[in-house]
């Protein structure tokens, strides 16, 4: 139960912070590179979370 509360709380806090911060204009190449890196980081994080959840279930 605490895990899901943390996920929900984190997403709400992230949404609130992103609304307050102004988006900065960046060159197109930087945006593409940053997006690609963020995608790779998210993939690694999801793989790690999946492993941990599977270990907890076992």
C-alpha atoms as a PDB file:
ATOM      1  CA  UNK A   1       0.000   0.000   0.000  1.00  0.00           C
ATOM      2  CA  UNK A   2       2.827   2.390   0.852  1.00  0.00           C
ATOM      3  CA  UNK A   3       4.473   1.785  -2.518  1.00  0.00           C
ATOM      4  CA  UNK A   4       1.397   2.963  -4.429  1.00  0.00           C
ATOM      5  CA  UNK A   5       0.949   5.956  -2.134  1.00  0.00           C
ATOM      6  CA  UNK A   6       4.543   6.926  -2.877  1.00  0.00           C
ATOM      7  CA  UNK A   7       3.980   6.585  -6.626  1.00  0.00           C
ATOM      8  CA  UNK A   8       0.824   8.698  -6.529  1.00  0.00           C
ATOM      9  CA  UNK A   9       2.350  11.328  -4.239  1.00  0.00           C
ATOM     10  CA  UNK A  10       5.482  11.546  -6.372  1.00  0.00           C
ATOM     11  CA  UNK A  11       3.499  11.981  -9.572  1.00  0.00           C
ATOM     12  CA  UNK A  12       1.368  14.719  -8.028  1.00  0.00           C
ATOM     13  CA  UNK A  13       4.412  16.554  -6.695  1.00  0.00           C
ATOM     14  CA  UNK A  14       6.163  16.212 -10.048  1.00  0.00           C
ATOM     15  CA  UNK A  15       3.143  17.628 -11.874  1.00  0.00           C
ATOM     16  CA  UNK A  16       2.915  20.560  -9.457  1.00  0.00           C
ATOM     17  CA  UNK A  17       6.614  21.398  -9.786  1.00  0.00           C
ATOM     18  CA  UNK A  18       6.501  21.164 -13.585  1.00  0.00           C
ATOM     19  CA  UNK A  19       3.572  23.596 -13.697  1.00  0.00           C
ATOM     20  CA  UNK A  20       5.510  26.178 -11.691  1.00  0.00           C
ATOM     21  CA  UNK A  21       8.738  25.940 -13.667  1.00  0.00           C
ATOM     22  CA  UNK A  22       8.904  27.797 -16.942  1.00  0.00           C
ATOM     23  CA  UNK A  23       9.921  25.704 -19.925  1.00  0.00           C
ATOM     24  CA  UNK A  24      13.198  26.962 -21.352  1.00  0.00           C
ATOM     25  CA  UNK A  25      13.718  27.259 -25.080  1.00  0.00           C
ATOM     26  CA  UNK A  26      16.563  25.055 -26.248  1.00  0.00           C
ATOM     27  CA  UNK A  27      17.978  24.261 -29.652  1.00  0.00           C
ATOM     28  CA  UNK A  28      16.232  21.371 -31.395  1.00  0.00           C
ATOM     29  CA  UNK A  29      19.272  19.097 -31.247  1.00  0.00           C
ATOM     30  CA  UNK A  30      19.569  19.482 -27.486  1.00  0.00           C
ATOM     31  CA  UNK A  31      15.900  18.601 -27.033  1.00  0.00           C
ATOM     32  CA  UNK A  32      16.233  15.448 -29.135  1.00  0.00           C
ATOM     33  CA  UNK A  33      19.385  14.354 -27.321  1.00  0.00           C
ATOM     34  CA  UNK A  34      17.881  15.037 -23.897  1.00  0.00           C
ATOM     35  CA  UNK A  35      14.694  13.191 -24.812  1.00  0.00           C
ATOM     36  CA  UNK A  36      16.679  10.182 -25.979  1.00  0.00           C
ATOM     37  CA  UNK A  37      18.747  10.148 -22.784  1.00  0.00           C
ATOM     38  CA  UNK A  38      15.647  10.507 -20.618  1.00  0.00           C
ATOM     39  CA  UNK A  39      14.047   7.592 -22.444  1.00  0.00           C
ATOM     40  CA  UNK A  40      17.086   5.396 -21.826  1.00  0.00           C
ATOM     41  CA  UNK A  41      17.140   6.349 -18.133  1.00  0.00           C
ATOM     42  CA  UNK A  42      13.424   5.620 -17.817  1.00  0.00           C
ATOM     43  CA  UNK A  43      13.895   2.227 -19.471  1.00  0.00           C
ATOM     44  CA  UNK A  44      16.708   1.298 -17.074  1.00  0.00           C
ATOM     45  CA  UNK A  45      14.656   2.440 -14.092  1.00  0.00           C
ATOM     46  CA  UNK A  46      11.626   0.409 -15.207  1.00  0.00           C
ATOM     47  CA  UNK A  47      13.762  -2.710 -15.685  1.00  0.00           C
ATOM     48  CA  UNK A  48      15.140  -2.292 -12.162  1.00  0.00           C
ATOM     49  CA  UNK A  49      11.702  -1.728 -10.691  1.00  0.00           C
ATOM     50  CA  UNK A  50      10.332  -4.782 -12.508  1.00  0.00           C
ATOM     51  CA  UNK A  51      13.118  -6.937 -11.099  1.00  0.00           C
ATOM     52  CA  UNK A  52      12.525  -5.662  -7.567  1.00  0.00           C
ATOM     53  CA  UNK A  53       8.776  -6.178  -7.788  1.00  0.00           C
ATOM     54  CA  UNK A  54       9.291  -9.693  -9.134  1.00  0.00           C
ATOM     55  CA  UNK A  55      11.683 -10.420  -6.267  1.00  0.00           C
ATOM     56  CA  UNK A  56       9.167  -9.102  -3.746  1.00  0.00           C
ATOM     57  CA  UNK A  57       6.435 -11.293  -5.215  1.00  0.00           C
ATOM     58  CA  UNK A  58       8.586 -14.440  -4.977  1.00  0.00           C
END
